[in-house]
Amino acid sequence: MNTFTEDGLWEAIQTLGWDVRADDIALEIAGTQVYEIEGDGTRWKPVKGTRKYNKDAFIVIKNRSRNPYVPSLTTEQQKVNDEVK
């Protein structure tokens, strides 16, 4: 079993070639759920917006600088892009 250490985190970031000073690196929790139905605040009917962390939740190390937002194109936009190439 591997033990998580801070040195291990820095080694992983270095292995990936990320620059800690220049890149926007974020730690996020995944594997959660948010209740979207109004409830009365009990265990079975929590208040709307309550976040529950699943037993198999995990931590994601994300480099936002290297994950550009690219929206999908409509069929017409794709045709124009294909014609220009």
PDB file of N, CA and C in Angstrom:
ATOM      1  N   MET A   1       0.834  -1.176   0.000  1.00  0.00           N
ATOM      2  CA  MET A   1       0.000   0.000   0.000  1.00  0.00           C
ATOM      3  C   MET A   1       0.885   1.248   0.000  1.00  0.00           C
ATOM      4  N   ASN A   2       0.591   2.165  -0.902  1.00  0.00           N
ATOM      5  CA  ASN A   2       1.350   3.409  -0.977  1.00  0.00           C
ATOM      6  C   ASN A   2       0.803   4.422   0.017  1.00  0.00           C
ATOM      7  N   THR A   3       1.697   5.143   0.644  1.00  0.00           N
ATOM      8  CA  THR A   3       1.308   6.182   1.583  1.00  0.00           C
ATOM      9  C   THR A   3       1.457   7.531   0.903  1.00  0.00           C
ATOM     10  N   PHE A   4       0.431   8.369   1.031  1.00  0.00           N
ATOM     11  CA  PHE A   4       0.472   9.704   0.443  1.00  0.00           C
ATOM     12  C   PHE A   4       1.387  10.598   1.269  1.00  0.00           C
ATOM     13  N   THR A   5       2.292  11.284   0.586  1.00  0.00           N
ATOM     14  CA  THR A   5       3.160  12.258   1.254  1.00  0.00           C
ATOM     15  C   THR A   5       3.198  13.531   0.418  1.00  0.00           C
ATOM     16  N   GLU A   6       3.546  14.607   1.055  1.00  0.00           N
ATOM     17  CA  GLU A   6       3.682  15.869   0.339  1.00  0.00           C
ATOM     18  C   GLU A   6       4.804  15.772  -0.692  1.00  0.00           C
ATOM     19  N   ASP A   7       5.889  15.092  -0.331  1.00  0.00           N
ATOM     20  CA  ASP A   7       6.994  14.914  -1.283  1.00  0.00           C
ATOM     21  C   ASP A   7       6.535  14.132  -2.510  1.00  0.00           C
ATOM     22  N   GLY A   8       5.663  13.136  -2.294  1.00  0.00           N
ATOM     23  CA  GLY A   8       5.128  12.366  -3.412  1.00  0.00           C
ATOM     24  C   GLY A   8       4.299  13.229  -4.349  1.00  0.00           C
ATOM     25  N   LEU A   9       3.531  14.167  -3.782  1.00  0.00           N
ATOM     26  CA  LEU A   9       2.737  15.087  -4.592  1.00  0.00           C
ATOM     27  C   LEU A   9       3.643  15.960  -5.449  1.00  0.00           C
ATOM     28  N   TRP A  10       4.687  16.543  -4.835  1.00  0.00           N
ATOM     29  CA  TRP A  10       5.610  17.392  -5.594  1.00  0.00           C
ATOM     30  C   TRP A  10       6.333  16.592  -6.667  1.00  0.00           C
ATOM     31  N   GLU A  11       6.662  15.338  -6.380  1.00  0.00           N
ATOM     32  CA  GLU A  11       7.331  14.482  -7.370  1.00  0.00           C
ATOM     33  C   GLU A  11       6.408  14.218  -8.555  1.00  0.00           C
ATOM     34  N   ALA A  12       5.123  13.964  -8.278  1.00  0.00           N
ATOM     35  CA  ALA A  12       4.163  13.728  -9.357  1.00  0.00           C
ATOM     36  C   ALA A  12       4.000  14.966 -10.230  1.00  0.00           C
ATOM     37  N   ILE A  13       3.918  16.133  -9.601  1.00  0.00           N
ATOM     38  CA  ILE A  13       3.788  17.380 -10.359  1.00  0.00           C
ATOM     39  C   ILE A  13       5.019  17.601 -11.225  1.00  0.00           C
ATOM     40  N   GLN A  14       6.189  17.303 -10.694  1.00  0.00           N
ATOM     41  CA  GLN A  14       7.438  17.452 -11.446  1.00  0.00           C
ATOM     42  C   GLN A  14       7.491  16.448 -12.605  1.00  0.00           C
ATOM     43  N   THR A  15       7.044  15.213 -12.361  1.00  0.00           N
ATOM     44  CA  THR A  15       7.033  14.179 -13.398  1.00  0.00           C
ATOM     45  C   THR A  15       6.161  14.602 -14.577  1.00  0.00           C
ATOM     46  N   LEU A  16       5.048  15.275 -14.276  1.00  0.00           N
ATOM     47  CA  LEU A  16       4.139  15.729 -15.329  1.00  0.00           C
ATOM     48  C   LEU A  16       4.658  16.958 -16.066  1.00  0.00           C
ATOM     49  N   GLY A  17       5.703  17.578 -15.548  1.00  0.00           N
ATOM     50  CA  GLY A  17       6.276  18.748 -16.199  1.00  0.00           C
ATOM     51  C   GLY A  17       5.502  20.027 -15.926  1.00  0.00           C
ATOM     52  N   TRP A  18       4.718  20.048 -14.849  1.00  0.00           N
ATOM     53  CA  TRP A  18       3.963  21.243 -14.498  1.00  0.00           C
ATOM     54  C   TRP A  18       4.860  22.233 -13.777  1.00  0.00           C
ATOM     55  N   ASP A  19       4.615  23.518 -14.002  1.00  0.00           N
ATOM     56  CA  ASP A  19       5.355  24.588 -13.338  1.00  0.00           C
ATOM     57  C   ASP A  19       4.483  25.157 -12.231  1.00  0.00           C
ATOM     58  N   VAL A  20       4.862  24.927 -10.996  1.00  0.00           N
ATOM     59  CA  VAL A  20       4.051  25.322  -9.841  1.00  0.00           C
ATOM     60  C   VAL A  20       3.850  26.836  -9.791  1.00  0.00           C
ATOM     61  N   ARG A  21       4.815  27.606 -10.234  1.00  0.00           N
ATOM     62  CA  ARG A  21       4.702  29.058 -10.172  1.00  0.00           C
ATOM     63  C   ARG A  21       3.837  29.623 -11.297  1.00  0.00           C
ATOM     64  N   ALA A  22       3.791  28.957 -12.441  1.00  0.00           N
ATOM     65  CA  ALA A  22       3.087  29.507 -13.599  1.00  0.00           C
ATOM     66  C   ALA A  22       1.726  28.854 -13.858  1.00  0.00           C
ATOM     67  N   ASP A  23       1.571  27.572 -13.538  1.00  0.00           N
ATOM     68  CA  ASP A  23       0.332  26.855 -13.830  1.00  0.00           C
ATOM     69  C   ASP A  23      -0.699  27.039 -12.715  1.00  0.00           C
ATOM     70  N   ASP A  24      -1.974  27.003 -13.104  1.00  0.00           N
ATOM     71  CA  ASP A  24      -3.080  27.105 -12.152  1.00  0.00           C
ATOM     72  C   ASP A  24      -3.463  25.680 -11.731  1.00  0.00           C
ATOM     73  N   ILE A  25      -2.881  25.196 -10.629  1.00  0.00           N
ATOM     74  CA  ILE A  25      -3.103  23.834 -10.153  1.00  0.00           C
ATOM     75  C   ILE A  25      -4.125  23.873  -9.027  1.00  0.00           C
ATOM     76  N   ALA A  26      -5.142  22.988  -9.128  1.00  0.00           N
ATOM     77  CA  ALA A  26      -6.212  22.969  -8.130  1.00  0.00           C
ATOM     78  C   ALA A  26      -6.430  21.554  -7.622  1.00  0.00           C
ATOM     79  N   LEU A  27      -6.765  21.450  -6.340  1.00  0.00           N
ATOM     80  CA  LEU A  27      -7.174  20.180  -5.749  1.00  0.00           C
ATOM     81  C   LEU A  27      -8.692  20.202  -5.635  1.00  0.00           C
ATOM     82  N   GLU A  28      -9.360  19.185  -6.200  1.00  0.00           N
ATOM     83  CA  GLU A  28     -10.817  19.132  -6.172  1.00  0.00           C
ATOM     84  C   GLU A  28     -11.264  17.781  -5.643  1.00  0.00           C
ATOM     85  N   ILE A  29     -12.414  17.756  -5.009  1.00  0.00           N
ATOM     86  CA  ILE A  29     -12.990  16.503  -4.512  1.00  0.00           C
ATOM     87  C   ILE A  29     -14.050  16.057  -5.505  1.00  0.00           C
ATOM     88  N   ALA A  30     -13.943  14.822  -5.965  1.00  0.00           N
ATOM     89  CA  ALA A  30     -14.914  14.243  -6.891  1.00  0.00           C
ATOM     90  C   ALA A  30     -15.591  13.057  -6.205  1.00  0.00           C
ATOM     91  N   GLY A  31     -16.689  12.614  -6.769  1.00  0.00           N
ATOM     92  CA  GLY A  31     -17.422  11.517  -6.169  1.00  0.00           C
ATOM     93  C   GLY A  31     -18.337  12.001  -5.057  1.00  0.00           C
ATOM     94  N   THR A  32     -18.983  13.144  -5.298  1.00  0.00           N
ATOM     95  CA  THR A  32     -19.915  13.694  -4.325  1.00  0.00           C
ATOM     96  C   THR A  32     -21.266  13.877  -5.000  1.00  0.00           C
ATOM     97  N   GLN A  33     -22.257  14.150  -4.215  1.00  0.00           N
ATOM     98  CA  GLN A  33     -23.575  14.452  -4.777  1.00  0.00           C
ATOM     99  C   GLN A  33     -24.199  15.606  -4.008  1.00  0.00           C
ATOM    100  N   VAL A  34     -25.007  16.395  -4.710  1.00  0.00           N
ATOM    101  CA  VAL A  34     -25.693  17.527  -4.105  1.00  0.00           C
ATOM    102  C   VAL A  34     -27.183  17.286  -4.262  1.00  0.00           C
ATOM    103  N   TYR A  35     -27.905  17.375  -3.146  1.00  0.00           N
ATOM    104  CA  TYR A  35     -29.347  17.177  -3.181  1.00  0.00           C
ATOM    105  C   TYR A  35     -30.015  18.389  -3.827  1.00  0.00           C
ATOM    106  N   GLU A  36     -30.893  18.129  -4.808  1.00  0.00           N
ATOM    107  CA  GLU A  36     -31.554  19.192  -5.557  1.00  0.00           C
ATOM    108  C   GLU A  36     -33.055  19.252  -5.274  1.00  0.00           C
ATOM    109  N   ILE A  37     -33.539  18.447  -4.339  1.00  0.00           N
ATOM    110  CA  ILE A  37     -34.952  18.445  -3.990  1.00  0.00           C
ATOM    111  C   ILE A  37     -35.090  19.017  -2.586  1.00  0.00           C
ATOM    112  N   GLU A  38     -36.087  19.875  -2.378  1.00  0.00           N
ATOM    113  CA  GLU A  38     -36.306  20.457  -1.059  1.00  0.00           C
ATOM    114  C   GLU A  38     -36.600  19.372  -0.035  1.00  0.00           C
ATOM    115  N   GLY A  39     -35.981  19.475   1.130  1.00  0.00           N
ATOM    116  CA  GLY A  39     -36.229  18.539   2.212  1.00  0.00           C
ATOM    117  C   GLY A  39     -36.361  19.288   3.523  1.00  0.00           C
ATOM    118  N   ASP A  40     -36.705  18.556   4.576  1.00  0.00           N
ATOM    119  CA  ASP A  40     -36.912  19.204   5.873  1.00  0.00           C
ATOM    120  C   ASP A  40     -35.691  19.106   6.782  1.00  0.00           C
ATOM    121  N   GLY A  41     -34.562  18.698   6.249  1.00  0.00           N
ATOM    122  CA  GLY A  41     -33.323  18.685   7.018  1.00  0.00           C
ATOM    123  C   GLY A  41     -33.070  17.410   7.806  1.00  0.00           C
ATOM    124  N   THR A  42     -33.809  16.357   7.517  1.00  0.00           N
ATOM    125  CA  THR A  42     -33.586  15.088   8.200  1.00  0.00           C
ATOM    126  C   THR A  42     -32.554  14.275   7.437  1.00  0.00           C
ATOM    127  N   ARG A  43     -32.203  13.133   7.992  1.00  0.00           N
ATOM    128  CA  ARG A  43     -31.220  12.262   7.340  1.00  0.00           C
ATOM    129  C   ARG A  43     -31.719  11.796   5.975  1.00  0.00           C
ATOM    130  N   TRP A  44     -32.998  11.516   5.874  1.00  0.00           N
ATOM    131  CA  TRP A  44     -33.558  10.969   4.630  1.00  0.00           C
ATOM    132  C   TRP A  44     -34.021  12.046   3.669  1.00  0.00           C
ATOM    133  N   LYS A  45     -34.281  13.242   4.175  1.00  0.00           N
ATOM    134  CA  LYS A  45     -34.699  14.357   3.321  1.00  0.00           C
ATOM    135  C   LYS A  45     -33.879  15.593   3.684  1.00  0.00           C
ATOM    136  N   PRO A  46     -32.613  15.642   3.237  1.00  0.00           N
ATOM    137  CA  PRO A  46     -31.765  16.793   3.589  1.00  0.00           C
ATOM    138  C   PRO A  46     -32.232  18.072   2.894  1.00  0.00           C
ATOM    139  N   VAL A  47     -31.760  19.174   3.402  1.00  0.00           N
ATOM    140  CA  VAL A  47     -32.067  20.482   2.826  1.00  0.00           C
ATOM    141  C   VAL A  47     -31.466  20.567   1.425  1.00  0.00           C
ATOM    142  N   LYS A  48     -32.188  21.223   0.517  1.00  0.00           N
ATOM    143  CA  LYS A  48     -31.713  21.394  -0.859  1.00  0.00           C
ATOM    144  C   LYS A  48     -30.338  22.063  -0.842  1.00  0.00           C
ATOM    145  N   GLY A  49     -29.404  21.537  -1.619  1.00  0.00           N
ATOM    146  CA  GLY A  49     -28.056  22.088  -1.713  1.00  0.00           C
ATOM    147  C   GLY A  49     -27.053  21.391  -0.797  1.00  0.00           C
ATOM    148  N   THR A  50     -27.525  20.447   0.030  1.00  0.00           N
ATOM    149  CA  THR A  50     -26.622  19.710   0.919  1.00  0.00           C
ATOM    150  C   THR A  50     -25.710  18.801   0.097  1.00  0.00           C
ATOM    151  N   ARG A  51     -24.415  18.833   0.369  1.00  0.00           N
ATOM    152  CA  ARG A  51     -23.442  17.984  -0.336  1.00  0.00           C
ATOM    153  C   ARG A  51     -23.141  16.750   0.498  1.00  0.00           C
ATOM    154  N   LYS A  52     -23.188  15.596  -0.157  1.00  0.00           N
ATOM    155  CA  LYS A  52     -22.872  14.331   0.504  1.00  0.00           C
ATOM    156  C   LYS A  52     -21.615  13.766  -0.150  1.00  0.00           C
ATOM    157  N   TYR A  53     -20.640  13.389   0.678  1.00  0.00           N
ATOM    158  CA  TYR A  53     -19.405  12.810   0.170  1.00  0.00           C
ATOM    159  C   TYR A  53     -19.544  11.297   0.181  1.00  0.00           C
ATOM    160  N   ASN A  54     -19.463  10.676  -0.986  1.00  0.00           N
ATOM    161  CA  ASN A  54     -19.581   9.225  -1.094  1.00  0.00           C
ATOM    162  C   ASN A  54     -18.377   8.547  -0.453  1.00  0.00           C
ATOM    163  N   LYS A  55     -18.537   7.295  -0.070  1.00  0.00           N
ATOM    164  CA  LYS A  55     -17.434   6.557   0.559  1.00  0.00           C
ATOM    165  C   LYS A  55     -16.281   6.337  -0.415  1.00  0.00           C
ATOM    166  N   ASP A  56     -16.579   6.357  -1.707  1.00  0.00           N
ATOM    167  CA  ASP A  56     -15.526   6.177  -2.710  1.00  0.00           C
ATOM    168  C   ASP A  56     -15.128   7.503  -3.362  1.00  0.00           C
ATOM    169  N   ALA A  57     -15.333   8.620  -2.658  1.00  0.00           N
ATOM    170  CA  ALA A  57     -14.929   9.927  -3.180  1.00  0.00           C
ATOM    171  C   ALA A  57     -13.414   9.947  -3.371  1.00  0.00           C
ATOM    172  N   PHE A  58     -12.946  10.795  -4.257  1.00  0.00           N
ATOM    173  CA  PHE A  58     -11.513  10.851  -4.532  1.00  0.00           C
ATOM    174  C   PHE A  58     -11.076  12.284  -4.784  1.00  0.00           C
ATOM    175  N   ILE A  59      -9.770  12.498  -4.709  1.00  0.00           N
ATOM    176  CA  ILE A  59      -9.191  13.828  -4.910  1.00  0.00           C
ATOM    177  C   ILE A  59      -8.597  13.901  -6.312  1.00  0.00           C
ATOM    178  N   VAL A  60      -8.888  14.985  -7.001  1.00  0.00           N
ATOM    179  CA  VAL A  60      -8.385  15.198  -8.354  1.00  0.00           C
ATOM    180  C   VAL A  60      -7.399  16.361  -8.308  1.00  0.00           C
ATOM    181  N   ILE A  61      -6.229  16.165  -8.880  1.00  0.00           N
ATOM    182  CA  ILE A  61      -5.245  17.242  -9.013  1.00  0.00           C
ATOM    183  C   ILE A  61      -5.353  17.727 -10.454  1.00  0.00           C
ATOM    184  N   LYS A  62      -5.841  18.944 -10.624  1.00  0.00           N
ATOM    185  CA  LYS A  62      -6.153  19.443 -11.961  1.00  0.00           C
ATOM    186  C   LYS A  62      -5.274  20.639 -12.302  1.00  0.00           C
ATOM    187  N   ASN A  63      -4.717  20.624 -13.508  1.00  0.00           N
ATOM    188  CA  ASN A  63      -3.950  21.757 -14.008  1.00  0.00           C
ATOM    189  C   ASN A  63      -4.864  22.528 -14.953  1.00  0.00           C
ATOM    190  N   ARG A  64      -5.487  23.567 -14.435  1.00  0.00           N
ATOM    191  CA  ARG A  64      -6.451  24.342 -15.220  1.00  0.00           C
ATOM    192  C   ARG A  64      -5.791  25.096 -16.367  1.00  0.00           C
ATOM    193  N   SER A  65      -4.512  25.396 -16.255  1.00  0.00           N
ATOM    194  CA  SER A  65      -3.808  26.132 -17.302  1.00  0.00           C
ATOM    195  C   SER A  65      -3.665  25.295 -18.571  1.00  0.00           C
ATOM    196  N   ARG A  66      -3.631  23.989 -18.427  1.00  0.00           N
ATOM    197  CA  ARG A  66      -3.408  23.120 -19.588  1.00  0.00           C
ATOM    198  C   ARG A  66      -4.676  22.400 -20.005  1.00  0.00           C
ATOM    199  N   ASN A  67      -5.819  22.890 -19.581  1.00  0.00           N
ATOM    200  CA  ASN A  67      -7.102  22.314 -19.940  1.00  0.00           C
ATOM    201  C   ASN A  67      -7.967  23.429 -20.520  1.00  0.00           C
ATOM    202  N   PRO A  68      -7.695  23.828 -21.767  1.00  0.00           N
ATOM    203  CA  PRO A  68      -8.418  24.966 -22.336  1.00  0.00           C
ATOM    204  C   PRO A  68      -9.888  24.632 -22.585  1.00  0.00           C
ATOM    205  N   TYR A  69     -10.718  25.636 -22.439  1.00  0.00           N
ATOM    206  CA  TYR A  69     -12.145  25.491 -22.716  1.00  0.00           C
ATOM    207  C   TYR A  69     -12.353  25.636 -24.215  1.00  0.00           C
ATOM    208  N   VAL A  70     -12.860  24.593 -24.850  1.00  0.00           N
ATOM    209  CA  VAL A  70     -13.128  24.628 -26.279  1.00  0.00           C
ATOM    210  C   VAL A  70     -14.584  24.209 -26.473  1.00  0.00           C
ATOM    211  N   PRO A  71     -15.468  25.156 -26.784  1.00  0.00           N
ATOM    212  CA  PRO A  71     -16.877  24.810 -26.953  1.00  0.00           C
ATOM    213  C   PRO A  71     -17.088  23.991 -28.219  1.00  0.00           C
ATOM    214  N   SER A  72     -18.145  23.202 -28.215  1.00  0.00           N
ATOM    215  CA  SER A  72     -18.460  22.418 -29.407  1.00  0.00           C
ATOM    216  C   SER A  72     -18.984  23.340 -30.497  1.00  0.00           C
ATOM    217  N   LEU A  73     -18.875  22.895 -31.726  1.00  0.00           N
ATOM    218  CA  LEU A  73     -19.288  23.696 -32.875  1.00  0.00           C
ATOM    219  C   LEU A  73     -20.614  23.179 -33.420  1.00  0.00           C
ATOM    220  N   THR A  74     -21.417  24.097 -33.975  1.00  0.00           N
ATOM    221  CA  THR A  74     -22.632  23.683 -34.664  1.00  0.00           C
ATOM    222  C   THR A  74     -22.233  23.043 -35.987  1.00  0.00           C
ATOM    223  N   THR A  75     -23.159  22.391 -36.622  1.00  0.00           N
ATOM    224  CA  THR A  75     -22.881  21.738 -37.906  1.00  0.00           C
ATOM    225  C   THR A  75     -22.418  22.765 -38.941  1.00  0.00           C
ATOM    226  N   GLU A  76     -23.047  23.941 -38.942  1.00  0.00           N
ATOM    227  CA  GLU A  76     -22.675  24.992 -39.903  1.00  0.00           C
ATOM    228  C   GLU A  76     -21.253  25.491 -39.647  1.00  0.00           C
ATOM    229  N   GLN A  77     -20.903  25.707 -38.372  1.00  0.00           N
ATOM    230  CA  GLN A  77     -19.558  26.163 -38.032  1.00  0.00           C
ATOM    231  C   GLN A  77     -18.520  25.114 -38.418  1.00  0.00           C
ATOM    232  N   GLN A  78     -18.837  23.842 -38.238  1.00  0.00           N
ATOM    233  CA  GLN A  78     -17.907  22.770 -38.584  1.00  0.00           C
ATOM    234  C   GLN A  78     -17.677  22.731 -40.089  1.00  0.00           C
ATOM    235  N   LYS A  79     -18.746  22.922 -40.861  1.00  0.00           N
ATOM    236  CA  LYS A  79     -18.617  22.936 -42.325  1.00  0.00           C
ATOM    237  C   LYS A  79     -17.705  24.076 -42.771  1.00  0.00           C
ATOM    238  N   VAL A  80     -17.866  25.250 -42.176  1.00  0.00           N
ATOM    239  CA  VAL A  80     -17.029  26.413 -42.531  1.00  0.00           C
ATOM    240  C   VAL A  80     -15.574  26.120 -42.165  1.00  0.00           C
ATOM    241  N   ASN A  81     -15.331  25.555 -41.002  1.00  0.00           N
ATOM    242  CA  ASN A  81     -13.958  25.234 -40.591  1.00  0.00           C
ATOM    243  C   ASN A  81     -13.333  24.197 -41.511  1.00  0.00           C
ATOM    244  N   ASP A  82     -14.109  23.201 -41.926  1.00  0.00           N
ATOM    245  CA  ASP A  82     -13.594  22.166 -42.830  1.00  0.00           C
ATOM    246  C   ASP A  82     -13.269  22.746 -44.204  1.00  0.00           C
ATOM    247  N   GLU A  83     -14.068  23.698 -44.686  1.00  0.00           N
ATOM    248  CA  GLU A  83     -13.842  24.313 -45.991  1.00  0.00           C
ATOM    249  C   GLU A  83     -12.598  25.199 -45.969  1.00  0.00           C
ATOM    250  N   VAL A  84     -12.327  25.855 -44.862  1.00  0.00           N
ATOM    251  CA  VAL A  84     -11.180  26.753 -44.741  1.00  0.00           C
ATOM    252  C   VAL A  84      -9.875  25.962 -44.739  1.00  0.00           C
ATOM    253  N   LYS A  85      -9.886  24.774 -44.177  1.00  0.00           N
ATOM    254  CA  LYS A  85      -8.672  23.953 -44.102  1.00  0.00           C
ATOM    255  C   LYS A  85      -8.232  23.523 -45.409  1.00  0.00           C
TER     256      LYS A  85
END
